[in-house]
């Protein structure tokens, strides 16, 4: 397990500003001091010689200190300290399981994983269009691997990634 704390000075943010002609441009501005603390942990359980489980989780708490800036290009500086930082989900986690079993000349492997990511913002001003919803993805793989000849093996796999077809725009 890890517990950590980060204190950023003069964190920079990209801000999208209208150019007055119907288009936009991006400027980089010093935002604020940012404080981030969190906890991460990983567990492994070997249930028996064929079955392995892993679990991971994370928690992040990130805040601006005194974020005063013009975020929309209108020349008015506002206090944006209550905004949430971009690309920082509060909670993340996942669990995986792997089962291997010798069959004939090779080994059959079954793998499954579920991963969770909490909602997070992708746009600095926390515009509702830039909020990515929380999501859980599930992956699975079945494989069979055997020795083909001296030092060479063959592996056949069928897999599905994000088999519940969650949407991801981040």
C-alpha atoms as a PDB file:
ATOM      1  CA  UNK A   1       0.000   0.000   0.000  1.00  0.00           C
ATOM      2  CA  UNK A   2       1.098   3.567  -0.659  1.00  0.00           C
ATOM      3  CA  UNK A   3      -0.029   6.842   0.848  1.00  0.00           C
ATOM      4  CA  UNK A   4       1.299   9.960  -0.840  1.00  0.00           C
ATOM      5  CA  UNK A   5       1.080  13.735  -0.848  1.00  0.00           C
ATOM      6  CA  UNK A   6       2.081  16.129  -3.626  1.00  0.00           C
ATOM      7  CA  UNK A   7       2.275  19.915  -3.401  1.00  0.00           C
ATOM      8  CA  UNK A   8       2.511  21.563  -6.852  1.00  0.00           C
ATOM      9  CA  UNK A   9       3.604  25.199  -7.200  1.00  0.00           C
ATOM     10  CA  UNK A  10       2.472  27.150 -10.296  1.00  0.00           C
ATOM     11  CA  UNK A  11       0.707  24.213 -11.943  1.00  0.00           C
ATOM     12  CA  UNK A  12      -0.013  25.072 -15.542  1.00  0.00           C
ATOM     13  CA  UNK A  13      -3.331  24.464 -17.323  1.00  0.00           C
ATOM     14  CA  UNK A  14      -4.311  24.704 -20.978  1.00  0.00           C
ATOM     15  CA  UNK A  15      -7.271  27.046 -21.412  1.00  0.00           C
ATOM     16  CA  UNK A  16      -9.355  27.204 -24.612  1.00  0.00           C
ATOM     17  CA  UNK A  17     -10.108  30.829 -25.513  1.00  0.00           C
ATOM     18  CA  UNK A  18     -12.416  32.101 -28.297  1.00  0.00           C
ATOM     19  CA  UNK A  19     -10.470  34.067 -30.912  1.00  0.00           C
ATOM     20  CA  UNK A  20     -13.337  36.459 -31.761  1.00  0.00           C
ATOM     21  CA  UNK A  21     -13.764  35.041 -35.276  1.00  0.00           C
ATOM     22  CA  UNK A  22     -15.716  31.878 -34.416  1.00  0.00           C
ATOM     23  CA  UNK A  23     -12.694  29.686 -33.720  1.00  0.00           C
ATOM     24  CA  UNK A  24     -10.616  29.041 -30.598  1.00  0.00           C
ATOM     25  CA  UNK A  25      -7.003  28.806 -29.547  1.00  0.00           C
ATOM     26  CA  UNK A  26      -5.298  27.230 -26.570  1.00  0.00           C
ATOM     27  CA  UNK A  27      -3.158  29.154 -24.101  1.00  0.00           C
ATOM     28  CA  UNK A  28      -1.138  27.808 -21.205  1.00  0.00           C
ATOM     29  CA  UNK A  29      -1.459  29.664 -17.935  1.00  0.00           C
ATOM     30  CA  UNK A  30      -0.081  29.230 -14.450  1.00  0.00           C
ATOM     31  CA  UNK A  31      -3.070  28.042 -12.504  1.00  0.00           C
ATOM     32  CA  UNK A  32      -2.363  27.706  -8.853  1.00  0.00           C
ATOM     33  CA  UNK A  33      -0.776  25.688  -6.165  1.00  0.00           C
ATOM     34  CA  UNK A  34      -2.314  22.224  -6.201  1.00  0.00           C
ATOM     35  CA  UNK A  35      -2.406  19.737  -3.377  1.00  0.00           C
ATOM     36  CA  UNK A  36      -2.926  16.052  -4.139  1.00  0.00           C
ATOM     37  CA  UNK A  37      -2.981  13.193  -1.701  1.00  0.00           C
ATOM     38  CA  UNK A  38      -3.990   9.634  -2.209  1.00  0.00           C
ATOM     39  CA  UNK A  39      -3.867   5.989  -1.340  1.00  0.00           C
ATOM     40  CA  UNK A  40      -3.042   3.091  -3.644  1.00  0.00           C
ATOM     41  CA  UNK A  41      -2.991  -0.568  -2.769  1.00  0.00           C
ATOM     42  CA  UNK A  42      -2.532  -3.898  -4.510  1.00  0.00           C
ATOM     43  CA  UNK A  43      -3.273  -7.369  -3.226  1.00  0.00           C
ATOM     44  CA  UNK A  44      -2.419 -10.795  -4.630  1.00  0.00           C
ATOM     45  CA  UNK A  45      -3.920 -14.079  -3.524  1.00  0.00           C
ATOM     46  CA  UNK A  46      -2.613 -17.398  -4.773  1.00  0.00           C
ATOM     47  CA  UNK A  47      -5.632 -19.596  -4.039  1.00  0.00           C
ATOM     48  CA  UNK A  48      -3.877 -22.749  -5.258  1.00  0.00           C
ATOM     49  CA  UNK A  49      -1.300 -23.763  -7.868  1.00  0.00           C
ATOM     50  CA  UNK A  50      -3.770 -23.025 -10.667  1.00  0.00           C
ATOM     51  CA  UNK A  51      -5.715 -19.993  -9.448  1.00  0.00           C
ATOM     52  CA  UNK A  52      -4.427 -16.442  -8.895  1.00  0.00           C
ATOM     53  CA  UNK A  53      -6.383 -13.308  -7.975  1.00  0.00           C
ATOM     54  CA  UNK A  54      -5.205  -9.696  -7.859  1.00  0.00           C
ATOM     55  CA  UNK A  55      -7.044  -6.615  -6.650  1.00  0.00           C
ATOM     56  CA  UNK A  56      -6.051  -2.949  -6.884  1.00  0.00           C
ATOM     57  CA  UNK A  57      -7.649   0.235  -5.668  1.00  0.00           C
ATOM     58  CA  UNK A  58      -6.812   3.893  -5.561  1.00  0.00           C
ATOM     59  CA  UNK A  59      -8.203   7.064  -4.025  1.00  0.00           C
ATOM     60  CA  UNK A  60      -7.162  10.605  -5.019  1.00  0.00           C
ATOM     61  CA  UNK A  61      -8.059  13.921  -3.434  1.00  0.00           C
ATOM     62  CA  UNK A  62      -6.837  16.868  -5.520  1.00  0.00           C
ATOM     63  CA  UNK A  63      -7.581  20.542  -4.957  1.00  0.00           C
ATOM     64  CA  UNK A  64      -6.534  23.919  -6.297  1.00  0.00           C
ATOM     65  CA  UNK A  65      -5.351  26.524  -3.798  1.00  0.00           C
ATOM     66  CA  UNK A  66      -6.284  30.020  -4.948  1.00  0.00           C
ATOM     67  CA  UNK A  67      -6.816  29.442  -8.717  1.00  0.00           C
ATOM     68  CA  UNK A  68      -7.433  32.981  -9.990  1.00  0.00           C
ATOM     69  CA  UNK A  69      -7.456  33.338 -13.804  1.00  0.00           C
ATOM     70  CA  UNK A  70      -9.444  34.400 -16.877  1.00  0.00           C
ATOM     71  CA  UNK A  71     -10.753  31.042 -18.149  1.00  0.00           C
ATOM     72  CA  UNK A  72     -12.964  32.230 -21.012  1.00  0.00           C
ATOM     73  CA  UNK A  73     -10.987  35.039 -22.607  1.00  0.00           C
ATOM     74  CA  UNK A  74     -13.373  37.843 -21.635  1.00  0.00           C
ATOM     75  CA  UNK A  75     -10.663  39.737 -19.739  1.00  0.00           C
ATOM     76  CA  UNK A  76     -12.314  39.163 -16.367  1.00  0.00           C
ATOM     77  CA  UNK A  77     -10.199  37.312 -13.816  1.00  0.00           C
ATOM     78  CA  UNK A  78     -12.276  35.045 -11.577  1.00  0.00           C
ATOM     79  CA  UNK A  79     -11.628  32.798  -8.595  1.00  0.00           C
ATOM     80  CA  UNK A  80     -11.732  29.214  -9.902  1.00  0.00           C
ATOM     81  CA  UNK A  81     -10.421  27.530  -6.764  1.00  0.00           C
ATOM     82  CA  UNK A  82     -13.533  25.364  -6.423  1.00  0.00           C
ATOM     83  CA  UNK A  83     -13.020  23.671  -9.814  1.00  0.00           C
ATOM     84  CA  UNK A  84     -11.947  20.041  -9.947  1.00  0.00           C
ATOM     85  CA  UNK A  85      -8.660  19.138 -11.615  1.00  0.00           C
ATOM     86  CA  UNK A  86      -8.760  17.426 -14.988  1.00  0.00           C
ATOM     87  CA  UNK A  87      -8.190  13.714 -15.503  1.00  0.00           C
ATOM     88  CA  UNK A  88      -8.205  12.850 -11.813  1.00  0.00           C
ATOM     89  CA  UNK A  89     -10.859  10.281 -10.937  1.00  0.00           C
ATOM     90  CA  UNK A  90     -11.462  10.092  -7.214  1.00  0.00           C
ATOM     91  CA  UNK A  91     -11.739   6.274  -7.140  1.00  0.00           C
ATOM     92  CA  UNK A  92     -10.178   3.557  -9.287  1.00  0.00           C
ATOM     93  CA  UNK A  93     -10.000  -0.157  -8.808  1.00  0.00           C
ATOM     94  CA  UNK A  94      -9.945  -3.540 -10.365  1.00  0.00           C
ATOM     95  CA  UNK A  95      -9.848  -7.247  -9.828  1.00  0.00           C
ATOM     96  CA  UNK A  96      -8.376  -9.982 -12.014  1.00  0.00           C
ATOM     97  CA  UNK A  97      -8.444 -13.726 -11.912  1.00  0.00           C
ATOM     98  CA  UNK A  98      -6.279 -16.222 -13.798  1.00  0.00           C
ATOM     99  CA  UNK A  99      -6.873 -19.952 -13.898  1.00  0.00           C
ATOM    100  CA  UNK A 100      -4.330 -22.258 -15.568  1.00  0.00           C
ATOM    101  CA  UNK A 101      -4.670 -25.982 -16.040  1.00  0.00           C
ATOM    102  CA  UNK A 102      -2.464 -28.465 -17.881  1.00  0.00           C
ATOM    103  CA  UNK A 103      -4.371 -30.325 -20.612  1.00  0.00           C
ATOM    104  CA  UNK A 104      -2.663 -32.721 -22.978  1.00  0.00           C
ATOM    105  CA  UNK A 105       0.653 -31.314 -24.220  1.00  0.00           C
ATOM    106  CA  UNK A 106      -0.098 -27.742 -23.129  1.00  0.00           C
ATOM    107  CA  UNK A 107      -1.741 -25.390 -20.669  1.00  0.00           C
ATOM    108  CA  UNK A 108      -5.235 -23.907 -20.792  1.00  0.00           C
ATOM    109  CA  UNK A 109      -5.489 -20.390 -19.336  1.00  0.00           C
ATOM    110  CA  UNK A 110      -8.628 -18.461 -18.427  1.00  0.00           C
ATOM    111  CA  UNK A 111      -8.312 -14.786 -17.526  1.00  0.00           C
ATOM    112  CA  UNK A 112     -10.944 -12.231 -16.493  1.00  0.00           C
ATOM    113  CA  UNK A 113     -10.602  -8.636 -15.335  1.00  0.00           C
ATOM    114  CA  UNK A 114     -12.988  -5.941 -14.147  1.00  0.00           C
ATOM    115  CA  UNK A 115     -11.774  -2.354 -13.835  1.00  0.00           C
ATOM    116  CA  UNK A 116     -13.544   0.697 -12.426  1.00  0.00           C
ATOM    117  CA  UNK A 117     -12.766   4.384 -12.986  1.00  0.00           C
ATOM    118  CA  UNK A 118     -14.783   7.094 -11.239  1.00  0.00           C
ATOM    119  CA  UNK A 119     -16.069  10.098 -13.194  1.00  0.00           C
ATOM    120  CA  UNK A 120     -13.571  12.835 -14.069  1.00  0.00           C
ATOM    121  CA  UNK A 121     -13.301  16.092 -15.977  1.00  0.00           C
ATOM    122  CA  UNK A 122     -11.346  16.506 -19.224  1.00  0.00           C
ATOM    123  CA  UNK A 123     -11.825  20.268 -19.564  1.00  0.00           C
ATOM    124  CA  UNK A 124     -10.281  22.806 -17.185  1.00  0.00           C
ATOM    125  CA  UNK A 125     -13.411  24.928 -16.544  1.00  0.00           C
ATOM    126  CA  UNK A 126     -15.503  21.846 -15.645  1.00  0.00           C
ATOM    127  CA  UNK A 127     -17.929  22.428 -18.510  1.00  0.00           C
ATOM    128  CA  UNK A 128     -20.578  19.655 -18.226  1.00  0.00           C
ATOM    129  CA  UNK A 129     -19.705  18.514 -21.767  1.00  0.00           C
ATOM    130  CA  UNK A 130     -16.261  17.604 -20.432  1.00  0.00           C
ATOM    131  CA  UNK A 131     -17.399  15.234 -17.681  1.00  0.00           C
ATOM    132  CA  UNK A 132     -16.548  11.586 -18.376  1.00  0.00           C
ATOM    133  CA  UNK A 133     -18.945   9.288 -16.542  1.00  0.00           C
ATOM    134  CA  UNK A 134     -17.714   6.548 -14.264  1.00  0.00           C
ATOM    135  CA  UNK A 135     -17.224   3.237 -16.006  1.00  0.00           C
ATOM    136  CA  UNK A 136     -16.542  -0.393 -15.393  1.00  0.00           C
ATOM    137  CA  UNK A 137     -14.881  -2.455 -18.110  1.00  0.00           C
ATOM    138  CA  UNK A 138     -14.663  -6.200 -18.278  1.00  0.00           C
ATOM    139  CA  UNK A 139     -12.051  -8.149 -20.264  1.00  0.00           C
ATOM    140  CA  UNK A 140     -11.701 -11.902 -20.729  1.00  0.00           C
ATOM    141  CA  UNK A 141      -9.237 -14.231 -22.453  1.00  0.00           C
ATOM    142  CA  UNK A 142      -9.062 -17.964 -23.025  1.00  0.00           C
ATOM    143  CA  UNK A 143      -5.764 -19.390 -24.292  1.00  0.00           C
ATOM    144  CA  UNK A 144      -4.116 -22.706 -24.967  1.00  0.00           C
ATOM    145  CA  UNK A 145      -0.316 -22.879 -25.240  1.00  0.00           C
ATOM    146  CA  UNK A 146       1.918 -25.845 -25.995  1.00  0.00           C
ATOM    147  CA  UNK A 147       5.524 -26.543 -26.951  1.00  0.00           C
ATOM    148  CA  UNK A 148       5.837 -26.884 -30.716  1.00  0.00           C
ATOM    149  CA  UNK A 149       9.486 -27.822 -31.009  1.00  0.00           C
ATOM    150  CA  UNK A 150      12.776 -27.175 -29.208  1.00  0.00           C
ATOM    151  CA  UNK A 151      12.324 -23.813 -27.471  1.00  0.00           C
ATOM    152  CA  UNK A 152       9.287 -22.811 -29.560  1.00  0.00           C
ATOM    153  CA  UNK A 153       5.717 -22.723 -28.452  1.00  0.00           C
ATOM    154  CA  UNK A 154       2.354 -22.015 -30.033  1.00  0.00           C
ATOM    155  CA  UNK A 155      -0.417 -20.079 -28.320  1.00  0.00           C
ATOM    156  CA  UNK A 156      -3.996 -19.746 -29.510  1.00  0.00           C
ATOM    157  CA  UNK A 157      -6.166 -17.152 -27.801  1.00  0.00           C
ATOM    158  CA  UNK A 158      -9.644 -15.733 -28.007  1.00  0.00           C
ATOM    159  CA  UNK A 159     -10.218 -12.512 -26.106  1.00  0.00           C
ATOM    160  CA  UNK A 160     -12.699  -9.757 -25.544  1.00  0.00           C
ATOM    161  CA  UNK A 161     -11.811  -6.276 -24.396  1.00  0.00           C
ATOM    162  CA  UNK A 162     -14.472  -4.060 -22.861  1.00  0.00           C
ATOM    163  CA  UNK A 163     -16.987  -6.838 -23.519  1.00  0.00           C
ATOM    164  CA  UNK A 164     -19.854  -4.825 -22.020  1.00  0.00           C
ATOM    165  CA  UNK A 165     -19.139  -2.092 -24.626  1.00  0.00           C
ATOM    166  CA  UNK A 166     -18.783   0.854 -22.265  1.00  0.00           C
ATOM    167  CA  UNK A 167     -18.300   4.222 -23.969  1.00  0.00           C
ATOM    168  CA  UNK A 168     -15.050   6.100 -23.352  1.00  0.00           C
ATOM    169  CA  UNK A 169     -14.343   9.614 -24.575  1.00  0.00           C
ATOM    170  CA  UNK A 170     -11.415  10.379 -22.232  1.00  0.00           C
END
